[in-house]
Amino acid sequence: MSKSETITVREWDAKVFHRRVLELEAEGYAARLDSYQVLPEMNPETGEIIHLRSVDMYRAVANRS
């Protein structure tokens, strides 16, 4: 095992975010916990605060020689 595949999961909706992370974990990916972020953003028209969640998921890949 030498390389790794990395996928970044980014979602505004918390339920969709967590569902996607669980799906990837079931496929053999693991979350890089140090990459987890929740970034607030304000909708300028409504003043509503929404949060973008993101995390990097990785899976080790066998070295193909």
N, C-alpha and C. Protein backbone atom coordinates (compact mmCIF):
# COMPACT_ATOMS: atom_id res chain seq x y z
N MET A 1 0.84 -1.18 0.00
CA MET A 1 0.00 0.00 0.00
C MET A 1 0.88 1.23 0.00
N SER A 2 0.79 2.05 -1.03
CA SER A 2 1.64 3.22 -1.04
C SER A 2 0.86 4.50 -1.32
N LYS A 3 -0.01 4.50 -2.28
CA LYS A 3 -0.77 5.69 -2.62
C LYS A 3 -2.08 5.68 -1.84
N SER A 4 -2.78 6.79 -1.88
CA SER A 4 -4.12 6.80 -1.32
C SER A 4 -5.02 7.65 -2.20
N GLU A 5 -6.27 7.23 -2.28
CA GLU A 5 -7.28 8.00 -2.97
C GLU A 5 -7.87 8.96 -1.94
N THR A 6 -8.06 10.21 -2.32
CA THR A 6 -8.65 11.18 -1.41
C THR A 6 -9.86 11.83 -2.07
N ILE A 7 -10.94 11.92 -1.32
CA ILE A 7 -12.17 12.56 -1.78
C ILE A 7 -12.51 13.62 -0.74
N THR A 8 -12.91 14.80 -1.18
CA THR A 8 -13.38 15.83 -0.27
C THR A 8 -14.90 15.87 -0.33
N VAL A 9 -15.52 15.71 0.83
CA VAL A 9 -16.97 15.78 0.93
C VAL A 9 -17.31 17.19 1.41
N ARG A 10 -18.15 17.90 0.63
CA ARG A 10 -18.55 19.27 0.98
C ARG A 10 -20.06 19.37 0.78
N GLU A 11 -20.77 19.72 1.82
CA GLU A 11 -22.23 19.83 1.75
C GLU A 11 -22.73 20.93 2.66
N TRP A 12 -23.80 21.59 2.24
CA TRP A 12 -24.47 22.60 3.07
C TRP A 12 -25.43 21.92 4.04
N ASP A 13 -26.07 20.85 3.61
CA ASP A 13 -27.07 20.15 4.41
C ASP A 13 -26.39 19.11 5.31
N ALA A 14 -26.58 19.21 6.63
CA ALA A 14 -25.90 18.32 7.57
C ALA A 14 -26.29 16.86 7.35
N LYS A 15 -27.57 16.59 7.10
CA LYS A 15 -28.01 15.21 6.90
C LYS A 15 -27.36 14.60 5.67
N VAL A 16 -27.29 15.36 4.59
CA VAL A 16 -26.68 14.88 3.35
C VAL A 16 -25.19 14.65 3.58
N PHE A 17 -24.54 15.57 4.29
CA PHE A 17 -23.11 15.44 4.59
C PHE A 17 -22.82 14.14 5.34
N HIS A 18 -23.54 13.92 6.43
CA HIS A 18 -23.29 12.74 7.26
C HIS A 18 -23.65 11.45 6.52
N ARG A 19 -24.70 11.48 5.73
CA ARG A 19 -25.06 10.29 4.94
C ARG A 19 -23.95 9.95 3.96
N ARG A 20 -23.40 10.96 3.28
CA ARG A 20 -22.33 10.73 2.31
C ARG A 20 -21.07 10.19 2.99
N VAL A 21 -20.73 10.74 4.16
CA VAL A 21 -19.56 10.25 4.91
C VAL A 21 -19.76 8.78 5.28
N LEU A 22 -20.95 8.44 5.77
CA LEU A 22 -21.23 7.04 6.14
C LEU A 22 -21.16 6.11 4.94
N GLU A 23 -21.65 6.58 3.78
CA GLU A 23 -21.57 5.77 2.55
C GLU A 23 -20.12 5.50 2.17
N LEU A 24 -19.29 6.53 2.25
CA LEU A 24 -17.88 6.37 1.90
C LEU A 24 -17.15 5.47 2.90
N GLU A 25 -17.49 5.59 4.18
CA GLU A 25 -16.88 4.70 5.18
C GLU A 25 -17.26 3.24 4.89
N ALA A 26 -18.48 3.00 4.45
CA ALA A 26 -18.91 1.65 4.11
C ALA A 26 -18.14 1.10 2.90
N GLU A 27 -17.63 2.01 2.05
CA GLU A 27 -16.84 1.62 0.88
C GLU A 27 -15.36 1.48 1.21
N GLY A 28 -14.98 1.70 2.46
CA GLY A 28 -13.59 1.52 2.86
C GLY A 28 -12.80 2.80 3.05
N TYR A 29 -13.44 3.96 2.96
CA TYR A 29 -12.75 5.23 3.19
C TYR A 29 -12.74 5.56 4.67
N ALA A 30 -11.78 6.37 5.09
CA ALA A 30 -11.70 6.86 6.46
C ALA A 30 -11.57 8.37 6.42
N ALA A 31 -12.16 9.02 7.43
CA ALA A 31 -12.10 10.48 7.49
C ALA A 31 -10.77 10.94 8.06
N ARG A 32 -10.20 11.98 7.46
CA ARG A 32 -9.04 12.67 8.05
C ARG A 32 -9.62 13.68 9.03
N LEU A 33 -9.67 13.32 10.29
CA LEU A 33 -10.36 14.15 11.28
C LEU A 33 -9.80 15.56 11.37
N ASP A 34 -8.51 15.73 11.11
CA ASP A 34 -7.92 17.07 11.17
C ASP A 34 -8.37 17.96 10.02
N SER A 35 -9.05 17.40 9.02
CA SER A 35 -9.50 18.20 7.88
C SER A 35 -10.97 18.63 8.02
N TYR A 36 -11.66 18.16 9.06
CA TYR A 36 -13.08 18.48 9.25
C TYR A 36 -13.25 19.96 9.54
N GLN A 37 -14.17 20.61 8.79
CA GLN A 37 -14.43 22.03 8.98
C GLN A 37 -15.92 22.31 8.87
N VAL A 38 -16.37 23.29 9.63
CA VAL A 38 -17.71 23.83 9.50
C VAL A 38 -17.53 25.33 9.32
N LEU A 39 -17.88 25.82 8.14
CA LEU A 39 -17.66 27.24 7.83
C LEU A 39 -19.01 27.96 7.72
N PRO A 40 -19.27 28.96 8.57
CA PRO A 40 -20.52 29.70 8.50
C PRO A 40 -20.51 30.71 7.37
N GLU A 41 -21.67 30.92 6.78
CA GLU A 41 -21.82 31.93 5.75
C GLU A 41 -23.21 32.54 5.91
N MET A 42 -23.31 33.84 5.70
CA MET A 42 -24.59 34.51 5.85
C MET A 42 -25.22 34.78 4.48
N ASN A 43 -26.49 34.45 4.37
CA ASN A 43 -27.25 34.79 3.17
C ASN A 43 -27.51 36.30 3.25
N PRO A 44 -26.99 37.09 2.28
CA PRO A 44 -27.11 38.55 2.37
C PRO A 44 -28.56 39.05 2.26
N GLU A 45 -29.44 38.26 1.65
CA GLU A 45 -30.83 38.69 1.48
C GLU A 45 -31.68 38.44 2.72
N THR A 46 -31.40 37.34 3.44
CA THR A 46 -32.24 36.97 4.58
C THR A 46 -31.53 37.14 5.91
N GLY A 47 -30.21 37.23 5.90
CA GLY A 47 -29.45 37.29 7.14
C GLY A 47 -29.30 35.94 7.80
N GLU A 48 -29.84 34.89 7.18
CA GLU A 48 -29.74 33.54 7.73
C GLU A 48 -28.31 33.03 7.63
N ILE A 49 -27.86 32.38 8.70
CA ILE A 49 -26.52 31.77 8.72
C ILE A 49 -26.66 30.31 8.30
N ILE A 50 -25.88 29.92 7.30
CA ILE A 50 -25.84 28.53 6.87
C ILE A 50 -24.40 28.04 7.01
N HIS A 51 -24.23 26.72 7.14
CA HIS A 51 -22.90 26.17 7.41
C HIS A 51 -22.50 25.18 6.33
N LEU A 52 -21.30 25.35 5.82
CA LEU A 52 -20.72 24.41 4.86
C LEU A 52 -19.83 23.45 5.64
N ARG A 53 -20.14 22.17 5.55
CA ARG A 53 -19.35 21.14 6.20
C ARG A 53 -18.43 20.50 5.17
N SER A 54 -17.20 20.21 5.57
CA SER A 54 -16.28 19.53 4.65
C SER A 54 -15.32 18.64 5.44
N VAL A 55 -14.90 17.55 4.79
CA VAL A 55 -13.92 16.64 5.36
C VAL A 55 -13.26 15.88 4.22
N ASP A 56 -11.99 15.58 4.39
CA ASP A 56 -11.28 14.75 3.42
C ASP A 56 -11.41 13.30 3.84
N MET A 57 -11.73 12.44 2.87
CA MET A 57 -11.84 11.01 3.11
C MET A 57 -10.75 10.34 2.29
N TYR A 58 -10.08 9.34 2.86
CA TYR A 58 -9.01 8.68 2.13
C TYR A 58 -9.17 7.17 2.19
N ARG A 59 -8.60 6.52 1.19
CA ARG A 59 -8.55 5.05 1.16
C ARG A 59 -7.19 4.67 0.60
N ALA A 60 -6.49 3.81 1.31
CA ALA A 60 -5.19 3.34 0.83
C ALA A 60 -5.41 2.48 -0.40
N VAL A 61 -4.51 2.60 -1.37
CA VAL A 61 -4.60 1.86 -2.61
C VAL A 61 -3.34 1.02 -2.78
N ALA A 62 -3.49 -0.20 -3.21
CA ALA A 62 -2.34 -1.07 -3.43
C ALA A 62 -1.44 -0.49 -4.52
N ASN A 63 -0.13 -0.60 -4.35
CA ASN A 63 0.85 -0.13 -5.31
C ASN A 63 0.81 -1.05 -6.54
N ARG A 64 0.58 -0.45 -7.70
CA ARG A 64 0.51 -1.23 -8.95
C ARG A 64 1.81 -1.09 -9.71
N SER A 65 2.60 -2.12 -9.71
CA SER A 65 3.89 -2.08 -10.39
C SER A 65 3.88 -2.91 -11.63
